[in-house]
Structure formats: C-alpha cells, structure tokens
C-alpha cells in the first residue's frame, strides 16, 4: 500500500473532521487516503507520486 506521507498529492487540512486529503482523487478523510482508496475500490492507490526532495536539506 502507498505511504501517503511520502506522496506529492497528500495534504493536511484545517478541517478537524477530515484532516487528511488527497488532491489527486479530490477528497478529504479522517483516514489515510490510501486506506480509503483500498477500502472503496479494492485496489491499491494508482496515483501515488513520490515527493521531490528539497535542495536545502529539509
């Protein structure tokens, strides 16, 4: 299963009811987005894109 915390499309929201978001699929959730995708489709996330490393060491 994809690690959303390492995905370019994963975002943390200010919505306390749905603090995690996937901009590739366009939804917010309490759960990690890859878990929601797996539960709803039966398939692993097909839109995972590895985050780019910053050049400043962060």
C-alpha atoms as a PDB file:
ATOM      1  CA  UNK A   1       0.000   0.000   0.000  1.00  0.00           C
ATOM      2  CA  UNK A   2       1.196   3.512  -0.821  1.00  0.00           C
ATOM      3  CA  UNK A   3       2.594   5.651   2.009  1.00  0.00           C
ATOM      4  CA  UNK A   4       0.575   8.855   1.712  1.00  0.00           C
ATOM      5  CA  UNK A   5       3.028  10.776   3.887  1.00  0.00           C
ATOM      6  CA  UNK A   6       5.585  10.370   1.077  1.00  0.00           C
ATOM      7  CA  UNK A   7       3.137  11.269  -1.709  1.00  0.00           C
ATOM      8  CA  UNK A   8       3.063  14.561  -3.608  1.00  0.00           C
ATOM      9  CA  UNK A   9      -0.761  14.577  -3.538  1.00  0.00           C
ATOM     10  CA  UNK A  10      -1.177  14.130   0.246  1.00  0.00           C
ATOM     11  CA  UNK A  11      -2.186  17.246   2.170  1.00  0.00           C
ATOM     12  CA  UNK A  12      -3.038  18.033   5.791  1.00  0.00           C
ATOM     13  CA  UNK A  13      -6.172  20.177   6.097  1.00  0.00           C
ATOM     14  CA  UNK A  14      -7.535  22.553   8.727  1.00  0.00           C
ATOM     15  CA  UNK A  15     -10.781  20.558   8.779  1.00  0.00           C
ATOM     16  CA  UNK A  16     -10.813  18.830  12.177  1.00  0.00           C
ATOM     17  CA  UNK A  17     -13.429  16.335  10.956  1.00  0.00           C
ATOM     18  CA  UNK A  18     -11.398  15.414   7.853  1.00  0.00           C
ATOM     19  CA  UNK A  19      -7.758  16.311   8.498  1.00  0.00           C
ATOM     20  CA  UNK A  20      -6.204  14.374   5.589  1.00  0.00           C
ATOM     21  CA  UNK A  21      -6.681  14.998   1.877  1.00  0.00           C
ATOM     22  CA  UNK A  22      -5.719  13.555  -1.474  1.00  0.00           C
ATOM     23  CA  UNK A  23      -5.612  16.162  -4.218  1.00  0.00           C
ATOM     24  CA  UNK A  24      -5.194  13.502  -6.939  1.00  0.00           C
ATOM     25  CA  UNK A  25      -8.523  11.879  -6.098  1.00  0.00           C
ATOM     26  CA  UNK A  26     -10.102  15.062  -4.729  1.00  0.00           C
ATOM     27  CA  UNK A  27     -11.327  14.049  -1.278  1.00  0.00           C
ATOM     28  CA  UNK A  28     -10.753  14.665   2.431  1.00  0.00           C
ATOM     29  CA  UNK A  29     -10.998  11.993   5.132  1.00  0.00           C
ATOM     30  CA  UNK A  30     -10.248  11.091   8.732  1.00  0.00           C
ATOM     31  CA  UNK A  31      -8.332   8.079   7.456  1.00  0.00           C
ATOM     32  CA  UNK A  32      -5.148   7.941   5.434  1.00  0.00           C
ATOM     33  CA  UNK A  33      -6.254   8.400   1.787  1.00  0.00           C
ATOM     34  CA  UNK A  34      -4.603   5.190   0.516  1.00  0.00           C
ATOM     35  CA  UNK A  35      -6.683   3.238   3.053  1.00  0.00           C
ATOM     36  CA  UNK A  36      -9.887   4.890   1.808  1.00  0.00           C
ATOM     37  CA  UNK A  37      -8.970   4.086  -1.809  1.00  0.00           C
ATOM     38  CA  UNK A  38      -8.249   0.444  -0.932  1.00  0.00           C
ATOM     39  CA  UNK A  39     -11.498   0.068   1.029  1.00  0.00           C
ATOM     40  CA  UNK A  40     -13.682   1.706  -1.615  1.00  0.00           C
ATOM     41  CA  UNK A  41     -12.153   0.222  -4.786  1.00  0.00           C
ATOM     42  CA  UNK A  42     -10.401  -2.922  -3.581  1.00  0.00           C
ATOM     43  CA  UNK A  43      -7.249  -1.723  -5.358  1.00  0.00           C
ATOM     44  CA  UNK A  44      -4.088  -0.018  -4.160  1.00  0.00           C
ATOM     45  CA  UNK A  45      -3.698   3.678  -4.956  1.00  0.00           C
ATOM     46  CA  UNK A  46      -2.814   4.157  -8.627  1.00  0.00           C
ATOM     47  CA  UNK A  47      -1.943   7.872  -8.345  1.00  0.00           C
ATOM     48  CA  UNK A  48       0.956   7.742  -5.861  1.00  0.00           C
ATOM     49  CA  UNK A  49       3.749  10.142  -6.829  1.00  0.00           C
ATOM     50  CA  UNK A  50       6.894  10.324  -4.678  1.00  0.00           C
ATOM     51  CA  UNK A  51       7.536  13.768  -3.168  1.00  0.00           C
ATOM     52  CA  UNK A  52      10.566  15.587  -4.527  1.00  0.00           C
ATOM     53  CA  UNK A  53      13.391  16.139  -2.075  1.00  0.00           C
ATOM     54  CA  UNK A  54      14.149  19.771  -1.298  1.00  0.00           C
ATOM     55  CA  UNK A  55      17.564  21.072  -2.245  1.00  0.00           C
ATOM     56  CA  UNK A  56      18.004  22.842   1.122  1.00  0.00           C
ATOM     57  CA  UNK A  57      18.196  19.670   3.230  1.00  0.00           C
ATOM     58  CA  UNK A  58      14.709  19.904   4.751  1.00  0.00           C
END
